Amino acid sequence: MDRKKFITVLGLSGMGLFLPTANISGLSTGKKQFFKIVKINGRFFLIAPNNKKFFSIGINHIDSASLRYVEGNDRWDTVYSNSHKKWLKHVARELQDWNFNTVGWVQDVVVKSETIRRHSKNFTYEEYQWLNMPYCHMLPFADFHQWEVETRNPDFFSSGFEDWCDYVARDHCGRLKDDPNLIGYFYLDCPTWVHTVFDNPVKGSIFDPEMLKTESGRREIRKTATKYYKLTFDAIKRYDTNHLILGDRYEASQPISEDVIQAAVPYIDVLSFQHFGSSEKIVANLQYWHNKTGLPTLLADFSHNKMTPSGYLKHKVEDYRKTLQLLREDSSCIGSHLCGAFIANRARKKGLLDENENSDMEQINAISQANLNTKKWIEEL
């Protein structure tokens, strides 16, 4: 199948919700199958390796280090025996009990200051096997995330950047290429193509937003963005021809260059966005960019939060339910991933469990029910 031509299917029998615990190593052909995108009766869907329709209901930010604060209750040693494998199997059971079917992005904010803002490490191939759930993986091609304050912006036309892209794909994709649980690859989280944020004024954006006002400036943006997306695409496909490319996770609340988006279109399968606005604004944003490009969309990171007396954030569960309901009505959307986290740490200060794994059942029950409603919706289609 040509990667840029999505199949329109008029009637696929026996389609239901993909179960993460199902055996998806291959179909009757004996050949491994992988996630793909199809268009059925005018709506985009992921199709899981077991050939069933799949709407990605994900959670982001899964890190075990919060269980090892020195003030903790030794749960890491007493319950999990210092075993990441044992803990991740527990995580998978919890997420499935809460009706999530995807791990969207595992890295979590662990330090948050004016000079250092860092995320936890990515998962390895082995850790994903222990988790044994569908997942998306972020490739560290570059570091012009809007929250990153330490690393200089890359020269996309340098041989060094090309060599780095090849190494990243060789290191990551070379190991993940045959994993049927992998949905696809993300690149950057909130890339600063033409914007900066108030707490990161020193590093600056890749392009001066004033360049958007002239045709010569826009040509330069298109040229550079095309180089970036082609380099990353070629590097991935050199080592992995099986998985979807989910691309950059654009920050919907900040200026987005249409020239950057259009430069990406030939080299990605999905337009991915982070959005923390109202449910209505989220859907309007996805529909806007789908109409511009024809590509399916993924709400790769979202949440609606309120502050608690403890200084930690709590999810507004009614807004979560409403967002999922509206996304089911958006024919371009193939999934939504909650800005978790699985366990709240002292930097992000948000999670479904606290650092002693005590659960907020009001949040969990409501989110679980909204996820279940989405599962029932896709089963009935």
Protein backbone atom coordinates (compact mmCIF):
# COMPACT_ATOMS: atom_id res chain seq x y z
CA MET A 1 0.00 0.00 0.00
CA ASP A 2 1.30 3.41 -0.91
CA ARG A 3 1.93 5.16 2.41
CA LYS A 4 0.25 8.37 1.25
CA LYS A 5 -2.93 6.76 -0.03
CA PHE A 6 -5.33 5.76 2.70
CA ILE A 7 -7.61 2.87 1.84
CA THR A 8 -11.34 3.49 1.77
CA VAL A 9 -13.19 0.43 3.02
CA LEU A 10 -16.94 0.18 2.56
CA GLY A 11 -17.57 -2.76 4.84
CA LEU A 12 -15.19 -4.74 7.02
CA SER A 13 -16.92 -7.54 8.91
CA GLY A 14 -16.21 -8.60 12.43
CA MET A 15 -14.54 -5.38 13.49
CA GLY A 16 -14.47 -4.50 17.17
CA LEU A 17 -12.19 -2.99 19.77
CA PHE A 18 -8.62 -4.20 19.85
CA LEU A 19 -7.73 -5.78 23.19
CA PRO A 20 -4.17 -5.04 24.30
CA THR A 21 -3.75 -8.56 25.67
CA ALA A 22 -4.72 -10.23 22.38
CA ASN A 23 -2.21 -12.19 20.35
CA ILE A 24 -1.34 -9.82 17.50
CA SER A 25 1.80 -11.48 16.21
CA GLY A 26 0.26 -12.22 12.85
CA LEU A 27 -2.80 -13.17 10.84
CA SER A 28 -3.51 -16.30 8.83
CA THR A 29 -0.88 -15.33 6.25
CA GLY A 30 1.80 -16.01 8.83
CA LYS A 31 3.19 -12.52 8.27
CA LYS A 32 3.39 -9.94 11.03
CA GLN A 33 0.82 -7.17 10.82
CA PHE A 34 1.17 -3.60 12.11
CA PHE A 35 -1.07 -0.64 12.86
CA LYS A 36 -2.34 1.13 9.76
CA ILE A 37 -4.88 3.83 8.94
CA VAL A 38 -7.97 3.33 6.83
CA LYS A 39 -10.96 5.43 5.94
CA ILE A 40 -14.29 3.70 6.46
CA ASN A 41 -17.52 5.39 5.37
CA GLY A 42 -15.84 8.79 5.49
CA ARG A 43 -14.15 8.32 8.88
CA PHE A 44 -10.50 7.64 9.65
CA PHE A 45 -9.61 4.74 11.93
CA LEU A 46 -6.54 3.00 13.12
CA ILE A 47 -6.66 -0.68 12.26
CA ALA A 48 -4.87 -2.85 14.80
CA PRO A 49 -2.64 -5.80 13.88
CA ASN A 50 -5.54 -8.17 14.60
CA ASN A 51 -7.46 -6.36 11.81
CA LYS A 52 -9.94 -4.65 14.15
CA LYS A 53 -10.87 -0.99 14.32
CA PHE A 54 -8.98 0.86 17.02
CA PHE A 55 -9.45 4.31 18.53
CA SER A 56 -6.40 5.14 20.61
CA ILE A 57 -7.36 5.95 24.22
CA GLY A 58 -4.03 6.80 25.74
CA ILE A 59 -2.34 8.13 28.81
CA ASN A 60 0.99 9.99 28.83
CA HIS A 61 3.84 10.24 31.36
CA ILE A 62 4.70 6.97 33.09
CA ASP A 63 7.75 7.05 35.34
CA SER A 64 8.58 4.87 38.33
CA ALA A 65 11.03 7.27 40.01
CA SER A 66 8.21 8.86 42.03
CA LEU A 67 8.05 5.61 44.02
CA ARG A 68 11.62 6.13 45.19
CA TYR A 69 11.52 9.48 46.98
CA VAL A 70 13.53 9.07 50.19
CA GLU A 71 10.47 10.13 52.20
CA GLY A 72 8.44 7.30 50.62
CA ASN A 73 7.13 4.13 52.18
CA ASP A 74 9.54 1.68 50.48
CA ARG A 75 6.84 0.40 48.10
CA TRP A 76 9.37 0.14 45.30
CA ASP A 77 11.34 -2.49 47.20
CA THR A 78 8.59 -4.17 49.21
CA VAL A 79 5.96 -4.42 46.45
CA TYR A 80 8.02 -4.48 43.26
CA SER A 81 11.33 -5.95 44.50
CA ASN A 82 13.30 -3.27 42.64
CA SER A 83 12.01 -4.77 39.38
CA HIS A 84 10.92 -2.48 36.55
CA LYS A 85 9.49 -5.52 34.79
CA LYS A 86 7.23 -6.33 37.73
CA TRP A 87 6.12 -2.71 38.02
CA LEU A 88 5.33 -2.32 34.31
CA LYS A 89 3.18 -5.44 34.32
CA HIS A 90 1.28 -3.84 37.20
CA VAL A 91 0.98 -0.57 35.23
CA ALA A 92 -0.52 -2.41 32.26
CA ARG A 93 -3.13 -4.09 34.46
CA GLU A 94 -4.10 -0.78 36.01
CA LEU A 95 -4.39 1.00 32.66
CA GLN A 96 -6.52 -1.75 31.19
CA ASP A 97 -8.74 -1.73 34.30
CA TRP A 98 -9.20 2.01 33.67
CA ASN A 99 -10.10 1.26 30.02
CA PHE A 100 -7.03 2.86 28.47
CA ASN A 101 -5.74 0.93 25.47
CA THR A 102 -2.58 2.90 24.58
CA VAL A 103 0.52 4.34 26.21
CA GLY A 104 0.86 7.65 24.40
CA TRP A 105 4.25 8.95 25.56
CA VAL A 106 6.10 7.70 28.62
CA GLN A 107 8.48 10.56 29.47
CA ASP A 108 7.43 12.85 32.31
CA VAL A 109 8.57 16.27 33.53
CA VAL A 110 11.00 15.61 36.39
CA VAL A 111 12.78 18.97 36.76
CA LYS A 112 11.12 22.30 36.06
CA SER A 113 13.09 25.49 36.59
CA GLU A 114 14.22 28.55 34.65
CA THR A 115 17.53 26.97 33.63
CA ILE A 116 16.81 23.23 33.63
CA ARG A 117 13.65 21.56 32.41
CA ARG A 118 13.98 17.87 31.77
CA HIS A 119 11.91 14.78 31.19
CA SER A 120 12.47 11.24 32.40
CA LYS A 121 14.13 8.73 30.11
CA ASN A 122 12.37 7.02 27.26
CA PHE A 123 11.42 3.35 27.47
CA THR A 124 13.62 0.68 25.93
CA TYR A 125 12.45 -2.12 23.67
CA GLU A 126 12.49 -4.49 26.66
CA GLU A 127 10.35 -2.18 28.79
CA TYR A 128 7.72 -1.97 26.07
CA GLN A 129 7.67 -5.78 25.92
CA TRP A 130 7.06 -5.96 29.66
CA LEU A 131 4.28 -3.40 29.32
CA ASN A 132 2.75 -5.39 26.44
CA MET A 133 0.30 -2.71 25.33
CA PRO A 134 -0.03 -0.61 22.18
CA TYR A 135 2.23 2.44 22.45
CA CYS A 136 3.72 5.42 20.63
CA HIS A 137 7.43 6.20 20.84
CA MET A 138 9.15 9.59 20.65
CA LEU A 139 12.36 9.84 18.63
CA PRO A 140 14.93 12.40 19.91
CA PHE A 141 15.90 13.87 16.54
CA ALA A 142 16.10 17.42 17.94
CA ASP A 143 15.41 19.46 21.07
CA PHE A 144 13.54 22.58 20.02
CA HIS A 145 10.62 21.69 22.27
CA GLN A 146 8.98 24.78 23.72
CA TRP A 147 9.88 23.66 27.25
CA GLU A 148 13.54 22.85 26.51
CA VAL A 149 15.97 25.59 27.60
CA GLU A 150 19.45 24.05 27.42
CA THR A 151 20.21 22.66 23.96
CA ARG A 152 21.07 24.88 20.99
CA ASN A 153 18.82 24.68 17.94
CA PRO A 154 20.17 22.37 15.21
CA ASP A 155 21.46 23.19 11.74
CA PHE A 156 19.19 21.00 9.62
CA PHE A 157 21.48 21.30 6.60
CA SER A 158 24.62 20.12 8.39
CA SER A 159 26.12 16.68 7.87
CA GLY A 160 26.23 16.32 11.64
CA PHE A 161 22.45 16.60 11.93
CA GLU A 162 21.98 14.06 9.14
CA ASP A 163 24.35 11.66 10.89
CA TRP A 164 22.48 12.20 14.16
CA CYS A 165 19.12 11.40 12.53
CA ASP A 166 20.57 8.19 11.13
CA TYR A 167 21.91 7.25 14.56
CA VAL A 168 18.57 7.92 16.28
CA ALA A 169 16.71 5.78 13.76
CA ARG A 170 19.36 3.07 13.91
CA ASP A 171 19.31 3.04 17.71
CA HIS A 172 15.53 3.25 18.22
CA CYS A 173 13.76 2.11 15.07
CA GLY A 174 16.25 -0.64 14.39
CA ARG A 175 15.08 -2.35 17.58
CA LEU A 176 11.38 -1.46 17.46
CA LYS A 177 10.78 -2.20 13.78
CA ASP A 178 9.15 -5.61 14.24
CA ASP A 179 7.03 -4.81 17.30
CA PRO A 180 3.31 -5.05 16.41
CA ASN A 181 2.37 -3.15 19.59
CA LEU A 182 4.10 0.00 18.32
CA ILE A 183 1.57 2.33 16.71
CA GLY A 184 4.07 4.88 15.41
CA TYR A 185 6.76 7.46 16.03
CA PHE A 186 6.47 10.99 17.41
CA TYR A 187 9.22 13.57 16.89
CA LEU A 188 9.17 16.76 19.00
CA ASP A 189 6.82 17.79 21.76
CA CYS A 190 5.60 21.34 20.96
CA PRO A 191 8.28 22.35 18.43
CA THR A 192 9.14 26.04 18.42
CA TRP A 193 9.15 26.58 14.67
CA VAL A 194 7.77 30.13 14.90
CA HIS A 195 7.03 30.71 18.58
CA THR A 196 8.59 30.86 22.00
CA VAL A 197 6.92 30.67 25.39
CA PHE A 198 7.19 33.17 28.22
CA ASP A 199 9.55 31.01 30.31
CA ASN A 200 11.96 30.25 27.46
CA PRO A 201 12.92 33.59 25.88
CA VAL A 202 16.67 32.93 25.56
CA LYS A 203 16.70 29.95 23.23
CA GLY A 204 14.29 31.43 20.72
CA SER A 205 12.33 29.88 17.88
CA ILE A 206 13.74 28.25 14.76
CA PHE A 207 12.36 31.11 12.67
CA ASP A 208 11.54 34.70 13.47
CA PRO A 209 7.73 34.89 13.20
CA GLU A 210 8.18 38.08 11.18
CA MET A 211 9.29 35.81 8.33
CA LEU A 212 5.68 34.69 7.96
CA LYS A 213 4.82 38.14 6.62
CA THR A 214 6.90 37.88 3.43
CA GLU A 215 6.93 35.38 0.60
CA SER A 216 10.72 35.11 0.79
CA GLY A 217 10.48 34.36 4.50
CA ARG A 218 7.85 31.71 3.95
CA ARG A 219 9.96 30.12 1.20
CA GLU A 220 12.85 29.86 3.64
CA ILE A 221 10.58 28.27 6.25
CA ARG A 222 9.26 25.74 3.71
CA LYS A 223 12.78 24.91 2.52
CA THR A 224 14.14 24.29 6.01
CA ALA A 225 11.08 22.41 7.29
CA THR A 226 11.09 20.20 4.19
CA LYS A 227 14.74 19.35 4.83
CA TYR A 228 13.93 18.39 8.43
CA TYR A 229 10.92 16.23 7.63
CA LYS A 230 12.59 14.50 4.68
CA LEU A 231 15.74 13.74 6.67
CA THR A 232 13.80 12.26 9.57
CA PHE A 233 11.49 10.31 7.26
CA ASP A 234 14.37 8.85 5.27
CA ALA A 235 16.22 7.91 8.45
CA ILE A 236 13.22 6.06 9.86
CA LYS A 237 12.40 4.24 6.64
CA ARG A 238 16.02 3.13 6.32
CA TYR A 239 15.50 0.97 9.42
CA ASP A 240 11.72 0.56 9.78
CA THR A 241 9.16 0.37 6.99
CA ASN A 242 6.41 -1.06 9.19
CA HIS A 243 5.17 1.72 11.46
CA LEU A 244 3.27 4.96 11.16
CA ILE A 245 4.94 8.35 11.39
CA LEU A 246 3.02 10.56 13.82
CA GLY A 247 5.45 13.48 13.46
CA ASP A 248 5.77 16.56 15.64
CA ARG A 249 3.18 17.19 18.35
CA TYR A 250 2.25 20.80 17.53
CA GLU A 251 1.18 23.15 20.32
CA ALA A 252 -2.28 24.27 19.23
CA SER A 253 -2.39 27.30 21.53
CA GLN A 254 0.70 28.85 19.91
CA PRO A 255 1.24 30.16 16.37
CA ILE A 256 1.62 27.35 13.83
CA SER A 257 3.09 27.96 10.39
CA GLU A 258 1.02 26.47 7.60
CA ASP A 259 4.25 26.31 5.58
CA VAL A 260 5.72 23.98 8.22
CA ILE A 261 2.61 21.82 8.23
CA GLN A 262 2.51 21.56 4.45
CA ALA A 263 6.22 20.72 4.39
CA ALA A 264 5.49 17.83 6.77
CA VAL A 265 2.50 16.41 4.88
CA PRO A 266 4.42 14.24 2.36
CA TYR A 267 6.46 12.69 5.16
CA ILE A 268 3.96 11.93 7.93
CA ASP A 269 0.82 9.80 8.28
CA VAL A 270 -0.96 11.79 11.00
CA LEU A 271 -1.13 15.39 12.24
CA SER A 272 -0.56 15.33 16.01
CA PHE A 273 -1.44 18.17 18.38
CA GLN A 274 -1.15 19.14 22.02
CA HIS A 275 -4.16 21.18 23.13
CA PHE A 276 -5.28 22.33 26.57
CA GLY A 277 -8.20 24.51 25.49
CA SER A 278 -11.91 23.81 25.72
CA SER A 279 -13.37 20.66 24.20
CA GLU A 280 -14.93 22.71 21.43
CA LYS A 281 -11.66 24.47 20.58
CA ILE A 282 -9.82 21.16 20.51
CA VAL A 283 -12.17 19.67 17.94
CA ALA A 284 -12.24 22.87 15.89
CA ASN A 285 -8.44 22.83 15.72
CA LEU A 286 -8.30 19.21 14.54
CA GLN A 287 -10.95 19.83 11.91
CA TYR A 288 -9.22 22.99 10.68
CA TRP A 289 -5.92 21.25 10.00
CA HIS A 290 -7.58 18.17 8.57
CA ASN A 291 -9.42 20.38 6.11
CA LYS A 292 -6.12 22.06 5.19
CA THR A 293 -4.22 18.83 4.58
CA GLY A 294 -6.60 15.89 4.26
CA LEU A 295 -4.63 14.00 6.91
CA PRO A 296 -6.12 12.20 9.91
CA THR A 297 -5.51 13.84 13.29
CA LEU A 298 -4.45 12.71 16.74
CA LEU A 299 -5.00 14.60 19.98
CA ALA A 300 -1.61 13.57 21.34
CA ASP A 301 -1.72 15.44 24.67
CA PHE A 302 -4.59 17.15 26.45
CA SER A 303 -6.18 17.70 29.84
CA HIS A 304 -8.39 20.09 31.74
CA ASN A 305 -7.07 20.77 35.23
CA LYS A 306 -8.01 22.46 38.48
CA MET A 307 -5.80 23.28 41.44
CA THR A 308 -6.33 21.45 44.71
CA PRO A 309 -5.60 22.79 48.22
CA SER A 310 -2.44 20.66 48.28
CA GLY A 311 -1.01 22.57 45.30
CA TYR A 312 -1.40 19.59 42.99
CA LEU A 313 -3.55 19.50 39.86
CA LYS A 314 -6.66 17.41 39.41
CA HIS A 315 -8.40 16.48 36.17
CA LYS A 316 -11.77 18.05 35.40
CA VAL A 317 -13.41 14.76 34.58
CA GLU A 318 -16.55 16.23 33.04
CA ASP A 319 -14.39 18.04 30.48
CA TYR A 320 -12.52 14.81 29.80
CA ARG A 321 -15.80 13.02 29.11
CA LYS A 322 -17.02 15.85 26.88
CA THR A 323 -13.79 15.91 24.85
CA LEU A 324 -13.95 12.19 24.11
CA GLN A 325 -17.60 12.51 23.14
CA LEU A 326 -16.88 15.33 20.68
CA LEU A 327 -13.86 13.54 19.24
CA ARG A 328 -16.06 10.56 18.41
CA GLU A 329 -17.99 12.93 16.17
CA ASP A 330 -14.84 14.21 14.44
CA SER A 331 -14.26 12.00 11.40
CA SER A 332 -10.57 12.94 11.20
CA CYS A 333 -9.58 11.93 14.73
CA ILE A 334 -7.96 8.54 15.40
CA GLY A 335 -7.36 8.92 19.13
CA SER A 336 -6.76 11.04 22.23
CA HIS A 337 -4.03 10.82 24.86
CA LEU A 338 -4.52 12.25 28.34
CA CYS A 339 -1.74 14.36 29.82
CA GLY A 340 -1.62 11.99 32.83
CA ALA A 341 0.42 11.28 34.69
CA PHE A 342 0.22 7.70 35.91
CA ILE A 343 1.94 8.77 39.16
CA ALA A 344 2.16 12.40 40.25
CA ASN A 345 5.68 13.64 40.92
CA ARG A 346 6.74 16.85 42.63
CA ALA A 347 7.63 18.63 39.39
CA ARG A 348 4.49 18.13 37.27
CA LYS A 349 2.22 17.74 40.32
CA LYS A 350 -0.49 15.87 38.46
CA GLY A 351 -1.41 12.20 38.29
CA LEU A 352 -4.03 9.52 38.79
CA LEU A 353 -1.97 8.04 41.64
CA ASP A 354 0.13 9.83 44.24
CA GLU A 355 3.74 8.91 45.00
CA ASN A 356 2.54 6.21 47.43
CA GLU A 357 0.16 4.84 44.78
CA ASN A 358 -2.94 6.06 46.57
CA SER A 359 -5.65 6.59 43.95
CA ASP A 360 -8.12 9.37 43.44
CA MET A 361 -11.12 7.16 42.71
CA GLU A 362 -13.37 10.07 41.74
CA GLN A 363 -11.01 10.88 38.88
CA ILE A 364 -10.29 7.28 37.96
CA ASN A 365 -13.91 6.10 37.94
CA ALA A 366 -15.08 8.99 35.79
CA ILE A 367 -12.18 8.72 33.33
CA SER A 368 -12.60 4.95 33.17
CA GLN A 369 -16.30 5.33 32.35
CA ALA A 370 -15.58 7.86 29.59
CA ASN A 371 -13.00 5.48 28.14
CA LEU A 372 -15.49 2.61 28.33
CA ASN A 373 -18.11 4.66 26.51
CA THR A 374 -15.58 5.22 23.73
CA LYS A 375 -14.83 1.51 23.56
CA LYS A 376 -18.53 0.72 23.26
CA TRP A 377 -18.88 3.35 20.54
CA ILE A 378 -16.22 1.77 18.37
CA GLU A 379 -17.54 -1.74 18.98
CA GLU A 380 -20.96 -0.69 17.70
CA LEU A 381 -19.70 0.94 14.48
